[in-house]
Amino acid sequence: MSDIYFSGRVNQENLNLLKDQILSENPQEEIKIYISSGGGSLTAAIAFYEWIRIKKIDITTIAVGNVSSAAVILFLAGERRVATACSSFLIHPGGSYRYDLLCFLGKVIPLKRLKENESFDEYMNFVSIKIMKERTNISEDLARKSITKSFLFMDPIKAKELGLIHEII
């Protein structure tokens, strides 16, 4: 069994370190990632989530403390998702993802519309809602409201009801 602890800001640098740790582990052993993070870059979190899903890496994610914002997307990468009794989750409307995009591309560029009248922010909201719908019991309406208009704070009991976690330890 391999235990990895991720805390701090969700950004490309920290997630690259996390990827290196995962790749250095024995793939035959269970990998557990303990997450305690207030969030950070949504684009980096989505890239990590997709990498885990594409590589079909079987990980267990364990929420310890607070898991907020982009860190929730990291957490949802786990095939088995667990939370401690004192943990909490926060999903909220994103700020502007333009900074993420500029960091991701490494240069300043004008933002192009992805669809007619759709901004990059709207597209990132769409992707976040899609992931939440696929990995939880959270309705599309609640996901959309939480990501675009209001805050959704959850203790482990509520998170389990909504399918964000499978077990409370």
C-alpha atoms as a PDB file:
ATOM      1  CA  MET A   1       0.000   0.000   0.000  1.00  0.00           C
ATOM      2  CA  SER A   2       1.304   3.460  -0.940  1.00  0.00           C
ATOM      3  CA  ASP A   3       0.258   6.592   0.913  1.00  0.00           C
ATOM      4  CA  ILE A   4       0.714   9.988  -0.738  1.00  0.00           C
ATOM      5  CA  TYR A   5      -0.232  13.270   0.917  1.00  0.00           C
ATOM      6  CA  PHE A   6      -1.297  16.275  -1.180  1.00  0.00           C
ATOM      7  CA  SER A   7      -1.794  19.600   0.526  1.00  0.00           C
ATOM      8  CA  GLY A   8      -1.423  23.186  -0.525  1.00  0.00           C
ATOM      9  CA  ARG A   9      -2.275  24.914  -3.745  1.00  0.00           C
ATOM     10  CA  VAL A  10      -3.554  23.050  -6.782  1.00  0.00           C
ATOM     11  CA  ASN A  11      -1.247  24.168  -9.579  1.00  0.00           C
ATOM     12  CA  GLN A  12       0.651  22.593 -12.448  1.00  0.00           C
ATOM     13  CA  GLU A  13       3.935  22.391 -10.535  1.00  0.00           C
ATOM     14  CA  ASN A  14       2.450  20.656  -7.481  1.00  0.00           C
ATOM     15  CA  LEU A  15       0.404  18.281  -9.631  1.00  0.00           C
ATOM     16  CA  ASN A  16       3.465  17.356 -11.687  1.00  0.00           C
ATOM     17  CA  LEU A  17       5.170  16.406  -8.410  1.00  0.00           C
ATOM     18  CA  LEU A  18       2.092  14.371  -7.474  1.00  0.00           C
ATOM     19  CA  LYS A  19       2.165  12.612 -10.868  1.00  0.00           C
ATOM     20  CA  ASP A  20       5.846  11.767 -10.357  1.00  0.00           C
ATOM     21  CA  GLN A  21       5.043  10.269  -6.948  1.00  0.00           C
ATOM     22  CA  ILE A  22       2.210   8.195  -8.408  1.00  0.00           C
ATOM     23  CA  LEU A  23       4.368   6.942 -11.278  1.00  0.00           C
ATOM     24  CA  SER A  24       7.129   5.924  -8.847  1.00  0.00           C
ATOM     25  CA  GLU A  25       4.744   3.671  -6.923  1.00  0.00           C
ATOM     26  CA  ASN A  26       4.298  -0.034  -7.522  1.00  0.00           C
ATOM     27  CA  PRO A  27       1.209  -0.272  -9.795  1.00  0.00           C
ATOM     28  CA  GLN A  28       0.298  -3.591  -8.146  1.00  0.00           C
ATOM     29  CA  GLU A  29      -0.175  -1.900  -4.784  1.00  0.00           C
ATOM     30  CA  GLU A  30      -3.118   0.228  -3.711  1.00  0.00           C
ATOM     31  CA  ILE A  31      -2.398   3.949  -3.996  1.00  0.00           C
ATOM     32  CA  LYS A  32      -4.047   6.258  -1.474  1.00  0.00           C
ATOM     33  CA  ILE A  33      -3.901  10.008  -1.910  1.00  0.00           C
ATOM     34  CA  TYR A  34      -4.760  12.056   1.171  1.00  0.00           C
ATOM     35  CA  ILE A  35      -6.011  15.479   0.088  1.00  0.00           C
ATOM     36  CA  SER A  36      -6.212  18.651   2.142  1.00  0.00           C
ATOM     37  CA  SER A  37      -6.341  21.680  -0.137  1.00  0.00           C
ATOM     38  CA  GLY A  38      -8.188  24.946  -0.526  1.00  0.00           C
ATOM     39  CA  GLY A  39      -7.979  24.616  -4.290  1.00  0.00           C
ATOM     40  CA  GLY A  40      -6.220  26.604  -6.960  1.00  0.00           C
ATOM     41  CA  SER A  41      -5.995  26.149 -10.702  1.00  0.00           C
ATOM     42  CA  LEU A  42      -9.056  24.489 -12.189  1.00  0.00           C
ATOM     43  CA  THR A  43      -7.319  23.833 -15.505  1.00  0.00           C
ATOM     44  CA  ALA A  44      -4.492  22.008 -13.700  1.00  0.00           C
ATOM     45  CA  ALA A  45      -7.017  19.997 -11.652  1.00  0.00           C
ATOM     46  CA  ILE A  46      -8.942  18.950 -14.764  1.00  0.00           C
ATOM     47  CA  ALA A  47      -5.724  17.949 -16.549  1.00  0.00           C
ATOM     48  CA  PHE A  48      -4.751  15.788 -13.549  1.00  0.00           C
ATOM     49  CA  TYR A  49      -8.250  14.266 -13.353  1.00  0.00           C
ATOM     50  CA  GLU A  50      -8.134  13.369 -17.042  1.00  0.00           C
ATOM     51  CA  TRP A  51      -4.612  11.933 -16.741  1.00  0.00           C
ATOM     52  CA  ILE A  52      -5.733   9.610 -13.920  1.00  0.00           C
ATOM     53  CA  ARG A  53      -8.813   8.526 -15.882  1.00  0.00           C
ATOM     54  CA  ILE A  54      -6.929   7.990 -19.181  1.00  0.00           C
ATOM     55  CA  LYS A  55      -4.095   6.039 -17.518  1.00  0.00           C
ATOM     56  CA  LYS A  56      -6.721   4.009 -15.612  1.00  0.00           C
ATOM     57  CA  ILE A  57      -4.776   4.411 -12.383  1.00  0.00           C
ATOM     58  CA  ASP A  58      -6.786   2.903  -9.557  1.00  0.00           C
ATOM     59  CA  ILE A  59      -6.434   5.329  -6.678  1.00  0.00           C
ATOM     60  CA  THR A  60      -8.302   5.939  -3.478  1.00  0.00           C
ATOM     61  CA  THR A  61      -8.684   9.569  -2.515  1.00  0.00           C
ATOM     62  CA  ILE A  62      -9.130  10.449   1.127  1.00  0.00           C
ATOM     63  CA  ALA A  63     -10.328  13.871   2.259  1.00  0.00           C
ATOM     64  CA  VAL A  64      -8.604  15.099   5.399  1.00  0.00           C
ATOM     65  CA  GLY A  65      -9.456  18.585   6.585  1.00  0.00           C
ATOM     66  CA  ASN A  66     -10.928  20.800   3.907  1.00  0.00           C
ATOM     67  CA  VAL A  67     -11.170  19.980   0.205  1.00  0.00           C
ATOM     68  CA  SER A  68     -12.330  23.027  -1.735  1.00  0.00           C
ATOM     69  CA  SER A  69     -12.689  24.401  -5.194  1.00  0.00           C
ATOM     70  CA  ALA A  70     -10.319  22.809  -7.738  1.00  0.00           C
ATOM     71  CA  ALA A  71      -9.226  20.260  -5.108  1.00  0.00           C
ATOM     72  CA  VAL A  72     -12.714  18.708  -5.363  1.00  0.00           C
ATOM     73  CA  ILE A  73     -11.923  17.795  -8.994  1.00  0.00           C
ATOM     74  CA  LEU A  74      -8.689  16.117  -7.814  1.00  0.00           C
ATOM     75  CA  PHE A  75     -10.671  14.269  -5.174  1.00  0.00           C
ATOM     76  CA  LEU A  76     -13.178  13.028  -7.768  1.00  0.00           C
ATOM     77  CA  ALA A  77     -10.353  11.299  -9.680  1.00  0.00           C
ATOM     78  CA  GLY A  78     -10.403   8.569  -7.035  1.00  0.00           C
ATOM     79  CA  GLU A  79     -12.131   5.340  -7.931  1.00  0.00           C
ATOM     80  CA  ARG A  80     -12.850   4.946  -4.233  1.00  0.00           C
ATOM     81  CA  ARG A  81     -13.457   8.181  -2.325  1.00  0.00           C
ATOM     82  CA  VAL A  82     -13.320   8.390   1.452  1.00  0.00           C
ATOM     83  CA  ALA A  83     -13.557  11.257   3.948  1.00  0.00           C
ATOM     84  CA  THR A  84     -12.634  11.580   7.585  1.00  0.00           C
ATOM     85  CA  ALA A  85     -15.415  12.508   9.996  1.00  0.00           C
ATOM     86  CA  CYS A  86     -14.032  16.047  10.416  1.00  0.00           C
ATOM     87  CA  SER A  87     -13.461  16.787   6.736  1.00  0.00           C
ATOM     88  CA  SER A  88     -15.464  19.229   4.642  1.00  0.00           C
ATOM     89  CA  PHE A  89     -15.990  20.117   0.992  1.00  0.00           C
ATOM     90  CA  LEU A  90     -16.700  23.399  -0.744  1.00  0.00           C
ATOM     91  CA  ILE A  91     -17.834  23.888  -4.331  1.00  0.00           C
ATOM     92  CA  HIS A  92     -18.209  27.487  -5.425  1.00  0.00           C
ATOM     93  CA  PRO A  93     -18.491  29.777  -8.405  1.00  0.00           C
ATOM     94  CA  GLY A  94     -15.155  30.200 -10.076  1.00  0.00           C
ATOM     95  CA  GLY A  95     -13.455  33.476 -10.587  1.00  0.00           C
ATOM     96  CA  SER A  96     -12.000  34.143 -13.934  1.00  0.00           C
ATOM     97  CA  TYR A  97     -10.088  31.230 -15.381  1.00  0.00           C
ATOM     98  CA  ARG A  98      -8.221  33.544 -17.727  1.00  0.00           C
ATOM     99  CA  TYR A  99      -5.175  33.538 -15.451  1.00  0.00           C
ATOM    100  CA  ASP A 100      -5.182  29.713 -15.516  1.00  0.00           C
ATOM    101  CA  LEU A 101      -5.332  29.737 -19.288  1.00  0.00           C
ATOM    102  CA  LEU A 102      -2.496  32.217 -19.587  1.00  0.00           C
ATOM    103  CA  CYS A 103      -0.359  30.199 -17.172  1.00  0.00           C
ATOM    104  CA  PHE A 104      -1.218  27.006 -19.020  1.00  0.00           C
ATOM    105  CA  LEU A 105      -0.197  28.446 -22.369  1.00  0.00           C
ATOM    106  CA  GLY A 106       2.754  30.287 -20.894  1.00  0.00           C
ATOM    107  CA  LYS A 107       2.050  33.518 -22.694  1.00  0.00           C
ATOM    108  CA  VAL A 108      -0.498  36.275 -23.041  1.00  0.00           C
ATOM    109  CA  ILE A 109      -2.897  35.680 -25.908  1.00  0.00           C
ATOM    110  CA  PRO A 110      -6.341  36.985 -26.769  1.00  0.00           C
ATOM    111  CA  LEU A 111      -9.041  34.576 -25.640  1.00  0.00           C
ATOM    112  CA  LYS A 112     -11.003  33.007 -28.459  1.00  0.00           C
ATOM    113  CA  ARG A 113     -14.629  32.028 -28.128  1.00  0.00           C
ATOM    114  CA  LEU A 114     -15.042  28.272 -27.869  1.00  0.00           C
ATOM    115  CA  LYS A 115     -18.590  28.357 -29.154  1.00  0.00           C
ATOM    116  CA  GLU A 116     -20.567  31.312 -30.278  1.00  0.00           C
ATOM    117  CA  ASN A 117     -21.054  33.524 -27.201  1.00  0.00           C
ATOM    118  CA  GLU A 118     -19.237  31.075 -24.904  1.00  0.00           C
ATOM    119  CA  SER A 119     -16.244  32.241 -22.892  1.00  0.00           C
ATOM    120  CA  PHE A 120     -13.446  30.090 -21.540  1.00  0.00           C
ATOM    121  CA  ASP A 121     -14.951  30.594 -18.053  1.00  0.00           C
ATOM    122  CA  GLU A 122     -18.262  29.140 -19.226  1.00  0.00           C
ATOM    123  CA  TYR A 123     -16.480  26.201 -20.824  1.00  0.00           C
ATOM    124  CA  MET A 124     -14.553  25.451 -17.599  1.00  0.00           C
ATOM    125  CA  ASN A 125     -17.873  25.558 -15.702  1.00  0.00           C
ATOM    126  CA  PHE A 126     -19.339  23.117 -18.249  1.00  0.00           C
ATOM    127  CA  VAL A 127     -16.416  20.683 -17.780  1.00  0.00           C
ATOM    128  CA  SER A 128     -16.679  20.891 -13.976  1.00  0.00           C
ATOM    129  CA  ILE A 129     -20.415  20.181 -14.094  1.00  0.00           C
ATOM    130  CA  LYS A 130     -19.814  17.245 -16.455  1.00  0.00           C
ATOM    131  CA  ILE A 131     -17.264  15.694 -14.081  1.00  0.00           C
ATOM    132  CA  MET A 132     -19.572  16.166 -11.087  1.00  0.00           C
ATOM    133  CA  LYS A 133     -22.483  14.554 -12.968  1.00  0.00           C
ATOM    134  CA  GLU A 134     -20.335  11.572 -13.996  1.00  0.00           C
ATOM    135  CA  ARG A 135     -18.757  10.939 -10.594  1.00  0.00           C
ATOM    136  CA  THR A 136     -21.479  11.849  -8.055  1.00  0.00           C
ATOM    137  CA  ASN A 137     -25.231  11.864  -7.459  1.00  0.00           C
ATOM    138  CA  ILE A 138     -25.267  15.662  -7.582  1.00  0.00           C
ATOM    139  CA  SER A 139     -27.989  16.767  -9.982  1.00  0.00           C
ATOM    140  CA  GLU A 140     -27.074  18.903 -12.956  1.00  0.00           C
ATOM    141  CA  ASP A 141     -29.161  21.748 -11.503  1.00  0.00           C
ATOM    142  CA  LEU A 142     -27.377  21.655  -8.144  1.00  0.00           C
ATOM    143  CA  ALA A 143     -23.969  21.342  -9.827  1.00  0.00           C
ATOM    144  CA  ARG A 144     -24.712  24.270 -12.134  1.00  0.00           C
ATOM    145  CA  LYS A 145     -26.019  26.405  -9.260  1.00  0.00           C
ATOM    146  CA  SER A 146     -23.009  25.569  -7.059  1.00  0.00           C
ATOM    147  CA  ILE A 147     -20.482  26.310  -9.792  1.00  0.00           C
ATOM    148  CA  THR A 148     -22.101  29.396 -11.288  1.00  0.00           C
ATOM    149  CA  LYS A 149     -24.221  31.131  -8.627  1.00  0.00           C
ATOM    150  CA  SER A 150     -23.817  30.038  -5.030  1.00  0.00           C
ATOM    151  CA  PHE A 151     -21.712  27.996  -2.632  1.00  0.00           C
ATOM    152  CA  LEU A 152     -22.230  24.340  -1.717  1.00  0.00           C
ATOM    153  CA  PHE A 153     -20.605  23.496   1.601  1.00  0.00           C
ATOM    154  CA  MET A 154     -20.765  19.854   2.645  1.00  0.00           C
ATOM    155  CA  ASP A 155     -19.853  17.919   5.730  1.00  0.00           C
ATOM    156  CA  PRO A 156     -19.035  14.235   5.121  1.00  0.00           C
ATOM    157  CA  ILE A 157     -22.644  13.145   5.744  1.00  0.00           C
ATOM    158  CA  LYS A 158     -24.004  15.487   3.061  1.00  0.00           C
ATOM    159  CA  ALA A 159     -21.102  14.598   0.743  1.00  0.00           C
ATOM    160  CA  LYS A 160     -21.999  10.913   1.095  1.00  0.00           C
ATOM    161  CA  GLU A 161     -25.689  11.598   0.404  1.00  0.00           C
ATOM    162  CA  LEU A 162     -24.683  13.387  -2.805  1.00  0.00           C
ATOM    163  CA  GLY A 163     -22.294  10.620  -3.888  1.00  0.00           C
ATOM    164  CA  LEU A 164     -19.152  12.731  -3.596  1.00  0.00           C
ATOM    165  CA  ILE A 165     -17.743  10.159  -1.179  1.00  0.00           C
ATOM    166  CA  HIS A 166     -18.350   6.461  -0.695  1.00  0.00           C
ATOM    167  CA  GLU A 167     -17.378   6.102   2.949  1.00  0.00           C
ATOM    168  CA  ILE A 168     -16.762   8.112   6.119  1.00  0.00           C
ATOM    169  CA  ILE A 169     -13.897   6.898   8.326  1.00  0.00           C
END
